[in-house]
C-alpha atoms as a PDB file:
ATOM      1  CA  MET A   1      64.921 191.536 -57.362  1.00  0.00           C
ATOM      2  CA  THR A   2      66.084 188.632 -55.253  1.00  0.00           C
ATOM      3  CA  TYR A   3      64.195 186.261 -53.054  1.00  0.00           C
ATOM      4  CA  GLU A   4      65.678 187.891 -49.951  1.00  0.00           C
ATOM      5  CA  ASN A   5      64.417 191.331 -51.010  1.00  0.00           C
ATOM      6  CA  ILE A   6      60.918 190.057 -51.698  1.00  0.00           C
ATOM      7  CA  SER A   7      60.894 188.095 -48.446  1.00  0.00           C
ATOM      8  CA  HIS A   8      62.006 191.109 -46.429  1.00  0.00           C
ATOM      9  CA  PHE A   9      59.377 193.313 -48.098  1.00  0.00           C
ATOM     10  CA  ALA A  10      56.596 190.759 -47.467  1.00  0.00           C
ATOM     11  CA  GLN A  11      57.588 190.238 -43.836  1.00  0.00           C
ATOM     12  CA  THR A  12      57.809 193.944 -43.063  1.00  0.00           C
ATOM     13  CA  TRP A  13      54.647 195.127 -44.777  1.00  0.00           C
ATOM     14  CA  GLY A  14      52.751 191.952 -43.859  1.00  0.00           C
ATOM     15  CA  LEU A  15      53.452 192.613 -40.197  1.00  0.00           C
ATOM     16  CA  ILE A  16      52.309 196.223 -40.514  1.00  0.00           C
ATOM     17  CA  TYR A  17      49.186 195.128 -42.418  1.00  0.00           C
ATOM     18  CA  PHE A  18      48.188 192.518 -39.840  1.00  0.00           C
ATOM     19  CA  MET A  19      48.863 194.881 -36.938  1.00  0.00           C
ATOM     20  CA  ALA A  20      46.584 197.464 -38.577  1.00  0.00           C
ATOM     21  CA  ILE A  21      43.849 194.852 -39.073  1.00  0.00           C
ATOM     22  CA  PHE A  22      44.232 193.713 -35.445  1.00  0.00           C
ATOM     23  CA  ALA A  23      43.952 197.312 -34.215  1.00  0.00           C
ATOM     24  CA  CYS A  24      40.785 197.841 -36.276  1.00  0.00           C
ATOM     25  CA  VAL A  25      39.204 194.657 -34.915  1.00  0.00           C
ATOM     26  CA  LEU A  26      40.161 195.601 -31.368  1.00  0.00           C
ATOM     27  CA  ILE A  27      38.675 199.077 -31.722  1.00  0.00           C
ATOM     28  CA  TYR A  28      35.493 197.592 -33.210  1.00  0.00           C
ATOM     29  CA  ALA A  29      35.156 195.068 -30.406  1.00  0.00           C
ATOM     30  CA  LEU A  30      35.818 197.511 -27.566  1.00  0.00           C
ATOM     31  CA  ARG A  31      33.748 200.492 -28.698  1.00  0.00           C
ATOM     32  CA  PRO A  32      30.821 201.241 -26.399  1.00  0.00           C
ATOM     33  CA  LYS A  33      28.251 201.090 -29.214  1.00  0.00           C
ATOM     34  CA  SER A  34      28.985 197.365 -29.790  1.00  0.00           C
ATOM     35  CA  ARG A  35      28.609 196.353 -26.165  1.00  0.00           C
ATOM     36  CA  ALA A  36      24.918 195.440 -26.339  1.00  0.00           C
ATOM     37  CA  LYS A  37      25.439 193.280 -29.420  1.00  0.00           C
ATOM     38  CA  PHE A  38      28.341 191.360 -27.888  1.00  0.00           C
ATOM     39  CA  ASP A  39      26.584 190.963 -24.523  1.00  0.00           C
ATOM     40  CA  ASP A  40      23.583 189.487 -26.312  1.00  0.00           C
ATOM     41  CA  ALA A  41      25.818 187.108 -28.270  1.00  0.00           C
ATOM     42  CA  ALA A  42      27.565 186.044 -25.048  1.00  0.00           C
ATOM     43  CA  ARG A  43      24.234 184.957 -23.553  1.00  0.00           C
ATOM     44  CA  ILE A  44      23.209 182.734 -26.482  1.00  0.00           C
ATOM     45  CA  PRO A  45      24.508 179.451 -24.921  1.00  0.00           C
ATOM     46  CA  PHE A  46      22.450 180.065 -21.770  1.00  0.00           C
ATOM     47  CA  ARG A  47      19.122 180.650 -23.494  1.00  0.00           C
ATOM     48  CA  GLU A  48      16.410 178.042 -23.158  1.00  0.00           C
ATOM     49  CA  ASP A  49      14.515 178.073 -26.429  1.00  0.00           C
END
């Protein structure tokens, strides 16, 4: 196994892995059930405690 083969494997599957993780995070962030939690977190800087 050469460096080029390992590099090509890591680049290809690394890209697929990170795209899958990004898709999961995007789905989690945009699902309707999470909206209340994220809206509440967005208002934290404006609260007067």
